[in-house]
C-alpha atoms as a PDB file:
ATOM      1  CA  MET A   1      35.791 -68.147 -29.104  1.00  0.00           C
ATOM      2  CA  ALA A   2      37.298 -64.739 -29.646  1.00  0.00           C
ATOM      3  CA  ARG A   3      37.096 -62.195 -26.862  1.00  0.00           C
ATOM      4  CA  SER A   4      34.412 -60.182 -28.671  1.00  0.00           C
ATOM      5  CA  ASP A   5      32.361 -63.347 -29.168  1.00  0.00           C
ATOM      6  CA  GLU A   6      32.524 -64.071 -25.439  1.00  0.00           C
ATOM      7  CA  GLU A   7      31.479 -60.525 -24.606  1.00  0.00           C
ATOM      8  CA  TYR A   8      28.596 -60.667 -27.101  1.00  0.00           C
ATOM      9  CA  SER A   9      27.434 -63.987 -25.616  1.00  0.00           C
ATOM     10  CA  ARG A  10      27.431 -62.547 -22.119  1.00  0.00           C
ATOM     11  CA  GLN A  11      25.571 -59.408 -23.214  1.00  0.00           C
ATOM     12  CA  ALA A  12      23.023 -61.434 -25.175  1.00  0.00           C
ATOM     13  CA  MET A  13      22.356 -63.741 -22.229  1.00  0.00           C
ATOM     14  CA  ARG A  14      22.137 -60.777 -19.864  1.00  0.00           C
ATOM     15  CA  GLY A  15      19.580 -59.223 -22.217  1.00  0.00           C
ATOM     16  CA  ALA A  16      17.603 -62.466 -22.325  1.00  0.00           C
ATOM     17  CA  VAL A  17      17.540 -62.743 -18.514  1.00  0.00           C
ATOM     18  CA  MET A  18      16.341 -59.141 -18.217  1.00  0.00           C
ATOM     19  CA  ALA A  19      13.700 -59.723 -20.905  1.00  0.00           C
ATOM     20  CA  VAL A  20      12.418 -62.793 -19.048  1.00  0.00           C
ATOM     21  CA  GLY A  21      12.112 -60.699 -15.894  1.00  0.00           C
ATOM     22  CA  VAL A  22      10.271 -57.942 -17.751  1.00  0.00           C
ATOM     23  CA  SER A  23       7.989 -60.503 -19.416  1.00  0.00           C
ATOM     24  CA  GLY A  24       7.230 -62.029 -16.033  1.00  0.00           C
ATOM     25  CA  ALA A  25       6.398 -58.594 -14.632  1.00  0.00           C
ATOM     26  CA  ALA A  26       4.116 -57.817 -17.585  1.00  0.00           C
ATOM     27  CA  LEU A  27       2.314 -61.147 -17.236  1.00  0.00           C
ATOM     28  CA  THR A  28       1.977 -60.498 -13.499  1.00  0.00           C
ATOM     29  CA  LEU A  29       0.370 -57.099 -14.084  1.00  0.00           C
ATOM     30  CA  LEU A  30      -2.080 -58.676 -16.511  1.00  0.00           C
ATOM     31  CA  ALA A  31      -2.892 -61.451 -14.042  1.00  0.00           C
ATOM     32  CA  PHE A  32      -3.562 -59.037 -11.179  1.00  0.00           C
ATOM     33  CA  ALA A  33      -5.593 -56.756 -13.466  1.00  0.00           C
ATOM     34  CA  PHE A  34      -7.837 -59.417 -14.982  1.00  0.00           C
ATOM     35  CA  PHE A  35      -7.855 -62.265 -12.451  1.00  0.00           C
ATOM     36  CA  SER A  36      -7.662 -62.822  -8.702  1.00  0.00           C
ATOM     37  CA  ALA A  37      -4.767 -62.106  -6.368  1.00  0.00           C
ATOM     38  CA  ARG A  38      -4.136 -65.866  -6.068  1.00  0.00           C
ATOM     39  CA  VAL A  39      -3.698 -66.131  -9.832  1.00  0.00           C
ATOM     40  CA  GLY A  40      -1.443 -63.073  -9.769  1.00  0.00           C
ATOM     41  CA  LEU A  41       0.687 -64.680  -7.054  1.00  0.00           C
ATOM     42  CA  GLY A  42       0.975 -67.819  -9.182  1.00  0.00           C
ATOM     43  CA  VAL A  43       2.168 -65.791 -12.160  1.00  0.00           C
ATOM     44  CA  VAL A  44       4.664 -63.947  -9.926  1.00  0.00           C
ATOM     45  CA  LEU A  45       6.069 -67.269  -8.695  1.00  0.00           C
ATOM     46  CA  GLY A  46       6.226 -68.702 -12.213  1.00  0.00           C
ATOM     47  CA  GLY A  47       7.961 -65.609 -13.567  1.00  0.00           C
ATOM     48  CA  ALA A  48      10.439 -65.582 -10.688  1.00  0.00           C
ATOM     49  CA  LEU A  49      11.202 -69.276 -11.235  1.00  0.00           C
ATOM     50  CA  ALA A  50      11.703 -68.682 -14.948  1.00  0.00           C
ATOM     51  CA  THR A  51      14.050 -65.743 -14.390  1.00  0.00           C
ATOM     52  CA  ALA A  52      16.064 -67.505 -11.694  1.00  0.00           C
ATOM     53  CA  ASN A  53      16.256 -70.670 -13.785  1.00  0.00           C
ATOM     54  CA  LEU A  54      17.647 -68.821 -16.813  1.00  0.00           C
ATOM     55  CA  TYR A  55      20.092 -66.836 -14.656  1.00  0.00           C
ATOM     56  CA  VAL A  56      21.542 -69.972 -13.070  1.00  0.00           C
ATOM     57  CA  PHE A  57      21.555 -71.710 -16.465  1.00  0.00           C
ATOM     58  CA  ALA A  58      23.553 -68.800 -17.922  1.00  0.00           C
ATOM     59  CA  LYS A  59      26.080 -68.944 -15.089  1.00  0.00           C
ATOM     60  CA  LEU A  60      26.422 -72.719 -15.441  1.00  0.00           C
ATOM     61  CA  GLY A  61      26.846 -72.505 -19.197  1.00  0.00           C
ATOM     62  CA  ASP A  62      29.479 -69.813 -18.840  1.00  0.00           C
ATOM     63  CA  ALA A  63      31.369 -71.876 -16.263  1.00  0.00           C
ATOM     64  CA  PHE A  64      31.264 -75.016 -18.404  1.00  0.00           C
ATOM     65  CA  LEU A  65      32.388 -73.211 -21.554  1.00  0.00           C
ATOM     66  CA  VAL A  66      35.142 -71.175 -19.969  1.00  0.00           C
ATOM     67  CA  ARG A  67      36.237 -74.073 -17.714  1.00  0.00           C
ATOM     68  CA  ASN A  68      37.859 -71.935 -15.062  1.00  0.00           C
ATOM     69  CA  GLY A  69      39.155 -74.557 -12.680  1.00  0.00           C
ATOM     70  CA  ASN A  70      37.367 -77.775 -11.864  1.00  0.00           C
ATOM     71  CA  ALA A  71      33.930 -78.272 -13.447  1.00  0.00           C
ATOM     72  CA  ALA A  72      32.760 -80.671 -10.705  1.00  0.00           C
ATOM     73  CA  PRO A  73      31.316 -77.940  -8.414  1.00  0.00           C
ATOM     74  CA  TRP A  74      29.289 -76.585 -11.326  1.00  0.00           C
ATOM     75  CA  ALA A  75      27.866 -80.045 -12.016  1.00  0.00           C
ATOM     76  CA  ALA A  76      26.763 -80.206  -8.382  1.00  0.00           C
ATOM     77  CA  ILE A  77      25.181 -76.753  -8.666  1.00  0.00           C
ATOM     78  CA  ALA A  78      23.335 -77.897 -11.805  1.00  0.00           C
ATOM     79  CA  LEU A  79      21.950 -80.891  -9.899  1.00  0.00           C
ATOM     80  CA  VAL A  80      20.897 -78.690  -6.970  1.00  0.00           C
ATOM     81  CA  LYS A  81      19.219 -76.288  -9.440  1.00  0.00           C
ATOM     82  CA  LEU A  82      17.239 -79.145 -10.954  1.00  0.00           C
ATOM     83  CA  VAL A  83      16.190 -80.493  -7.551  1.00  0.00           C
ATOM     84  CA  PHE A  84      15.101 -77.047  -6.361  1.00  0.00           C
ATOM     85  CA  LEU A  85      13.179 -76.382  -9.573  1.00  0.00           C
ATOM     86  CA  PHE A  86      11.272 -79.671  -9.567  1.00  0.00           C
ATOM     87  CA  GLY A  87      10.968 -79.837  -5.788  1.00  0.00           C
ATOM     88  CA  GLY A  88       9.838 -76.248  -5.460  1.00  0.00           C
ATOM     89  CA  VAL A  89       7.224 -76.536  -8.176  1.00  0.00           C
ATOM     90  CA  GLY A  90       6.063 -79.854  -6.701  1.00  0.00           C
ATOM     91  CA  LEU A  91       5.657 -78.361  -3.223  1.00  0.00           C
ATOM     92  CA  ILE A  92       3.855 -75.304  -4.549  1.00  0.00           C
ATOM     93  CA  LEU A  93       1.399 -77.441  -6.496  1.00  0.00           C
ATOM     94  CA  LYS A  94       0.992 -80.157  -3.845  1.00  0.00           C
ATOM     95  CA  ASN A  95       0.086 -77.609  -1.179  1.00  0.00           C
ATOM     96  CA  ASP A  96      -2.261 -75.876  -3.629  1.00  0.00           C
ATOM     97  CA  LEU A  97      -0.695 -72.482  -2.935  1.00  0.00           C
ATOM     98  CA  VAL A  98      -1.462 -71.194  -6.419  1.00  0.00           C
ATOM     99  CA  PRO A  99      -3.298 -72.561  -9.450  1.00  0.00           C
ATOM    100  CA  ALA A 100      -1.109 -74.717 -11.669  1.00  0.00           C
ATOM    101  CA  LEU A 101      -2.169 -72.844 -14.788  1.00  0.00           C
ATOM    102  CA  ALA A 102      -1.167 -69.523 -13.228  1.00  0.00           C
ATOM    103  CA  LEU A 103       2.263 -70.940 -12.341  1.00  0.00           C
ATOM    104  CA  ALA A 104       2.641 -72.223 -15.892  1.00  0.00           C
ATOM    105  CA  ALA A 105       1.550 -68.861 -17.307  1.00  0.00           C
ATOM    106  CA  GLY A 106       4.227 -67.134 -15.247  1.00  0.00           C
ATOM    107  CA  TYR A 107       6.822 -69.664 -16.378  1.00  0.00           C
ATOM    108  CA  GLY A 108       5.730 -68.799 -19.920  1.00  0.00           C
ATOM    109  CA  ALA A 109       7.810 -65.656 -19.460  1.00  0.00           C
ATOM    110  CA  LEU A 110      10.847 -67.840 -20.198  1.00  0.00           C
ATOM    111  CA  PRO A 111      10.252 -68.472 -23.929  1.00  0.00           C
ATOM    112  CA  ILE A 112       8.725 -65.027 -24.408  1.00  0.00           C
ATOM    113  CA  GLY A 113      11.650 -63.277 -22.741  1.00  0.00           C
ATOM    114  CA  ILE A 114      14.301 -65.340 -24.503  1.00  0.00           C
ATOM    115  CA  THR A 115      12.701 -64.597 -27.860  1.00  0.00           C
ATOM    116  CA  PHE A 116      12.438 -60.857 -27.254  1.00  0.00           C
ATOM    117  CA  GLY A 117      15.843 -60.725 -25.580  1.00  0.00           C
ATOM    118  CA  PHE A 118      17.610 -62.155 -28.594  1.00  0.00           C
ATOM    119  CA  LEU A 119      15.465 -60.330 -31.168  1.00  0.00           C
ATOM    120  CA  PHE A 120      15.895 -56.888 -29.650  1.00  0.00           C
ATOM    121  CA  GLY A 121      19.053 -57.408 -27.577  1.00  0.00           C
ATOM    122  CA  PRO A 122      22.653 -56.703 -28.526  1.00  0.00           C
ATOM    123  CA  LYS A 123      23.723 -57.615 -32.019  1.00  0.00           C
ATOM    124  CA  PRO A 124      27.041 -59.280 -32.838  1.00  0.00           C
ATOM    125  CA  SER A 125      29.751 -56.999 -34.119  1.00  0.00           C
ATOM    126  CA  ASP A 126      30.602 -57.005 -37.799  1.00  0.00           C
ATOM    127  CA  GLY A 127      34.050 -58.490 -37.499  1.00  0.00           C
ATOM    128  CA  GLU A 128      36.352 -59.800 -40.170  1.00  0.00           C
ATOM    129  CA  PRO A 129      34.426 -62.022 -42.584  1.00  0.00           C
ATOM    130  CA  GLU A 130      35.629 -65.594 -42.709  1.00  0.00           C
ATOM    131  CA  PRO A 131      37.434 -66.568 -45.905  1.00  0.00           C
ATOM    132  CA  PRO A 132      35.549 -68.983 -48.182  1.00  0.00           C
ATOM    133  CA  ILE A 133      36.373 -72.655 -47.812  1.00  0.00           C
ATOM    134  CA  LYS A 134      38.398 -74.028 -50.683  1.00  0.00           C
ATOM    135  CA  SER A 135      37.145 -77.505 -51.528  1.00  0.00           C
ATOM    136  CA  GLY A 136      39.344 -78.563 -54.451  1.00  0.00           C
ATOM    137  CA  PRO A 137      42.672 -80.427 -54.082  1.00  0.00           C
ATOM    138  CA  ASP A 138      44.610 -77.475 -55.495  1.00  0.00           C
ATOM    139  CA  GLY A 139      42.717 -74.964 -53.329  1.00  0.00           C
ATOM    140  CA  SER A 140      40.278 -73.925 -56.020  1.00  0.00           C
ATOM    141  CA  ASP A 141      36.527 -73.931 -55.669  1.00  0.00           C
ATOM    142  CA  ALA A 142      36.170 -76.745 -58.215  1.00  0.00           C
ATOM    143  CA  PRO A 143      35.870 -80.242 -56.707  1.00  0.00           C
END
């Protein structure tokens, strides 16, 4: 990847993480306005999980793609992330802290935020266009 491509990828992912956080906040306001405080707390937790999950995913993806040093610690962090995500959601639901549907509604900020983050986030620069692929044996476009 060219340097500008790396920078665009980082900016786009940063925009997506921020959009997930904003989506979670908007869903939380709606939950507190139209439902109970317990439902609002569930949406807050779901939105926070979604934002944290995407943030860690972005950091892991960046580390795997750039491969600065040994990738083994990042694999361990990915496993810990998965355990915390599943374990945390399991504990929240098992102890009936918040309604499951409210938690899922808050986690719904993830696809909403990613969509809006990439639709309205930074656009790639108009760099040099790639030359057309020549498919013929003599380099012409004829097969």
